[in-house]
Amino acid sequence: MTKISAIIITYNEEENIGRCIDSLIPVADEILIVDSYSKDKTKEECVKRNVRFIEHPFIGHVEQKNYALENATYDHVISLDGDEYLSEELAQSILKVKENLNCDGYYFNRLSSYEGKWKGTRTGTLIENSDCGIEILENGEAQIHMTKLFYTLSRMLNF
């Protein structure tokens, strides 16, 4: 079975990070937290769950995600923020796909909450880590981002 790294960037997420990590445990073979020197108990919450924890100065959101990608162990990566988590249904879908990963990336719809209110769907990704990121465009196409270069990705599968 293919191994997956989960990367999470954090800053002061002590109230959310436990739920995020716990939702990834069934699907991820590595959970890597890149933290921007949180002032709360984010680090303690992560350490007690036995995940890889790296502190790194925050320069920007993209730069922090890229730093996490560079430090991921496995070729396939799922990326979440500290206040996000996988539903049981999504975790089961990822486990099924994980048995036979045969696309460059996978995307899934997810709900976002802001200030306690659901704000509709966003797109999440599970990608092959080759120093890249994937963006799903509104027209359904995908782009790979490598530094400042953009490439169209044709082998995406919705799960």
Protein backbone atom coordinates (compact mmCIF):
# COMPACT_ATOMS: atom_id res chain seq x y z
CA MET A 1 0.00 0.00 0.00
CA THR A 2 1.23 3.49 -0.85
CA LYS A 3 2.46 5.58 2.06
CA ILE A 4 1.10 9.09 2.64
CA SER A 5 2.55 12.03 4.54
CA ALA A 6 0.11 14.50 6.07
CA ILE A 7 1.41 18.04 6.43
CA ILE A 8 -0.19 20.64 8.68
CA ILE A 9 0.90 24.23 9.16
CA THR A 10 0.00 25.80 12.49
CA TYR A 11 0.10 28.88 14.66
CA ASN A 12 -1.72 28.91 18.00
CA GLU A 13 -3.97 25.96 17.18
CA GLU A 14 -4.08 24.22 20.59
CA GLU A 15 -7.89 24.10 20.50
CA ASN A 16 -8.08 22.51 17.03
CA ILE A 17 -4.90 20.56 16.34
CA GLY A 18 -5.87 17.45 18.31
CA ARG A 19 -8.99 16.89 16.20
CA CYS A 20 -6.99 17.50 13.03
CA ILE A 21 -4.25 15.00 13.94
CA ASP A 22 -6.70 12.40 15.22
CA SER A 23 -8.62 12.51 11.92
CA LEU A 24 -5.41 11.85 9.97
CA ILE A 25 -4.09 8.94 12.05
CA PRO A 26 -6.07 6.26 10.15
CA VAL A 27 -4.85 7.40 6.71
CA ALA A 28 -1.40 8.97 7.14
CA ASP A 29 1.84 7.07 7.59
CA GLU A 30 3.53 10.28 8.71
CA ILE A 31 2.04 13.42 10.22
CA LEU A 32 4.30 16.45 10.00
CA ILE A 33 3.47 19.69 11.78
CA VAL A 34 5.25 22.88 10.71
CA ASP A 35 4.56 25.44 13.41
CA SER A 36 5.27 29.18 13.36
CA TYR A 37 6.44 29.33 16.99
CA SER A 38 3.00 29.18 18.59
CA LYS A 39 2.58 30.98 21.90
CA ASP A 40 -0.09 28.58 23.18
CA LYS A 41 0.08 24.80 23.81
CA THR A 42 0.04 23.72 20.16
CA LYS A 43 3.46 22.08 20.50
CA GLU A 44 2.44 20.11 23.60
CA GLU A 45 -0.73 18.87 21.88
CA CYS A 46 1.32 17.68 18.91
CA VAL A 47 4.15 16.09 20.88
CA LYS A 48 1.79 14.02 23.01
CA ARG A 49 0.33 12.58 19.78
CA ASN A 50 3.81 11.49 18.62
CA VAL A 51 3.93 13.42 15.35
CA ARG A 52 6.93 15.07 13.70
CA PHE A 53 7.03 18.67 14.88
CA ILE A 54 9.19 21.35 13.27
CA GLU A 55 9.25 25.02 14.19
CA HIS A 56 9.85 27.35 11.26
CA PRO A 57 9.46 31.13 10.94
CA PHE A 58 6.33 32.18 9.04
CA ILE A 59 7.19 34.12 5.91
CA GLY A 60 3.93 33.46 4.07
CA HIS A 61 1.25 30.80 3.68
CA VAL A 62 2.62 29.38 0.42
CA GLU A 63 6.19 29.43 1.70
CA GLN A 64 5.17 27.58 4.87
CA LYS A 65 3.26 24.93 2.88
CA ASN A 66 6.25 24.53 0.54
CA TYR A 67 8.59 24.13 3.51
CA ALA A 68 6.32 21.40 4.87
CA LEU A 69 6.28 19.68 1.45
CA GLU A 70 10.08 19.77 1.32
CA ASN A 71 10.22 18.02 4.69
CA ALA A 72 7.59 15.36 4.01
CA THR A 73 8.96 11.82 3.96
CA TYR A 74 6.64 10.14 1.46
CA ASP A 75 5.86 10.80 -2.18
CA HIS A 76 2.13 11.33 -1.64
CA VAL A 77 0.99 14.18 0.58
CA ILE A 78 -2.28 15.42 2.00
CA SER A 79 -2.20 18.98 3.29
CA LEU A 80 -4.46 20.49 5.94
CA ASP A 81 -4.43 23.56 8.13
CA GLY A 82 -4.54 23.08 11.90
CA ASP A 83 -8.22 23.94 12.13
CA GLU A 84 -9.26 21.42 9.46
CA TYR A 85 -9.98 17.71 9.82
CA LEU A 86 -11.13 14.70 7.81
CA SER A 87 -14.62 13.34 8.23
CA GLU A 88 -14.91 9.58 8.80
CA GLU A 89 -16.41 9.26 5.31
CA LEU A 90 -13.48 11.08 3.71
CA ALA A 91 -10.94 9.05 5.69
CA GLN A 92 -12.56 5.83 4.43
CA SER A 93 -12.47 7.13 0.84
CA ILE A 94 -8.78 7.99 1.17
CA LEU A 95 -8.04 4.51 2.53
CA LYS A 96 -9.74 2.94 -0.51
CA VAL A 97 -7.82 5.16 -2.95
CA LYS A 98 -4.59 4.57 -1.03
CA GLU A 99 -4.69 0.88 -1.98
CA ASN A 100 -4.08 1.81 -5.62
CA LEU A 101 -2.91 5.38 -6.14
CA ASN A 102 -2.65 5.70 -9.89
CA CYS A 103 -3.16 9.42 -10.60
CA ASP A 104 -0.95 12.45 -10.16
CA GLY A 105 -3.39 13.89 -7.68
CA TYR A 106 -6.84 13.56 -6.20
CA TYR A 107 -9.23 16.26 -5.12
CA PHE A 108 -12.21 16.30 -2.84
CA ASN A 109 -14.83 18.79 -1.80
CA ARG A 110 -14.79 20.03 1.77
CA LEU A 111 -16.84 22.37 3.88
CA SER A 112 -15.26 25.43 5.43
CA SER A 113 -16.30 27.09 8.65
CA TYR A 114 -15.56 30.71 9.47
CA GLU A 115 -16.54 32.24 12.81
CA GLY A 116 -18.77 29.24 13.51
CA LYS A 117 -20.68 29.43 10.20
CA TRP A 118 -20.42 27.02 7.28
CA LYS A 119 -19.27 28.83 4.16
CA GLY A 120 -19.79 26.20 1.45
CA THR A 121 -17.27 23.94 -0.20
CA ARG A 122 -13.59 24.31 -0.91
CA THR A 123 -11.34 21.87 -2.67
CA GLY A 124 -8.75 19.78 -0.86
CA THR A 125 -6.00 17.77 -2.49
CA LEU A 126 -3.96 14.63 -2.13
CA ILE A 127 -0.92 15.01 -4.39
CA GLU A 128 2.24 13.26 -5.43
CA ASN A 129 5.01 15.24 -3.77
CA SER A 130 7.54 16.32 -6.33
CA ASP A 131 8.08 19.80 -4.93
CA CYS A 132 4.72 20.89 -6.26
CA GLY A 133 1.26 21.95 -5.26
CA ILE A 134 -2.03 21.46 -7.07
CA GLU A 135 -4.76 24.04 -7.51
CA ILE A 136 -8.21 23.11 -8.76
CA LEU A 137 -9.56 25.93 -10.90
CA GLU A 138 -13.22 26.93 -11.07
CA ASN A 139 -13.55 25.36 -14.53
CA GLY A 140 -12.49 21.98 -13.08
CA GLU A 141 -8.98 22.04 -14.50
CA ALA A 142 -5.99 21.63 -12.25
CA GLN A 143 -2.61 23.31 -12.17
CA ILE A 144 0.64 22.16 -10.62
CA HIS A 145 2.57 24.95 -8.96
CA MET A 146 6.32 24.64 -8.85
CA THR A 147 7.76 27.84 -7.46
CA LYS A 148 6.40 30.34 -10.01
CA LEU A 149 5.72 27.90 -12.85
CA PHE A 150 2.25 26.60 -13.70
CA TYR A 151 1.48 23.35 -15.50
CA THR A 152 -1.87 21.87 -16.46
CA LEU A 153 -2.48 18.52 -14.84
CA SER A 154 -4.60 16.04 -16.74
CA ARG A 155 -4.54 13.00 -14.46
CA MET A 156 -6.78 14.10 -11.60
CA LEU A 157 -9.48 11.94 -10.04
CA ASN A 158 -12.33 13.13 -7.81
CA PHE A 159 -12.96 10.77 -4.89
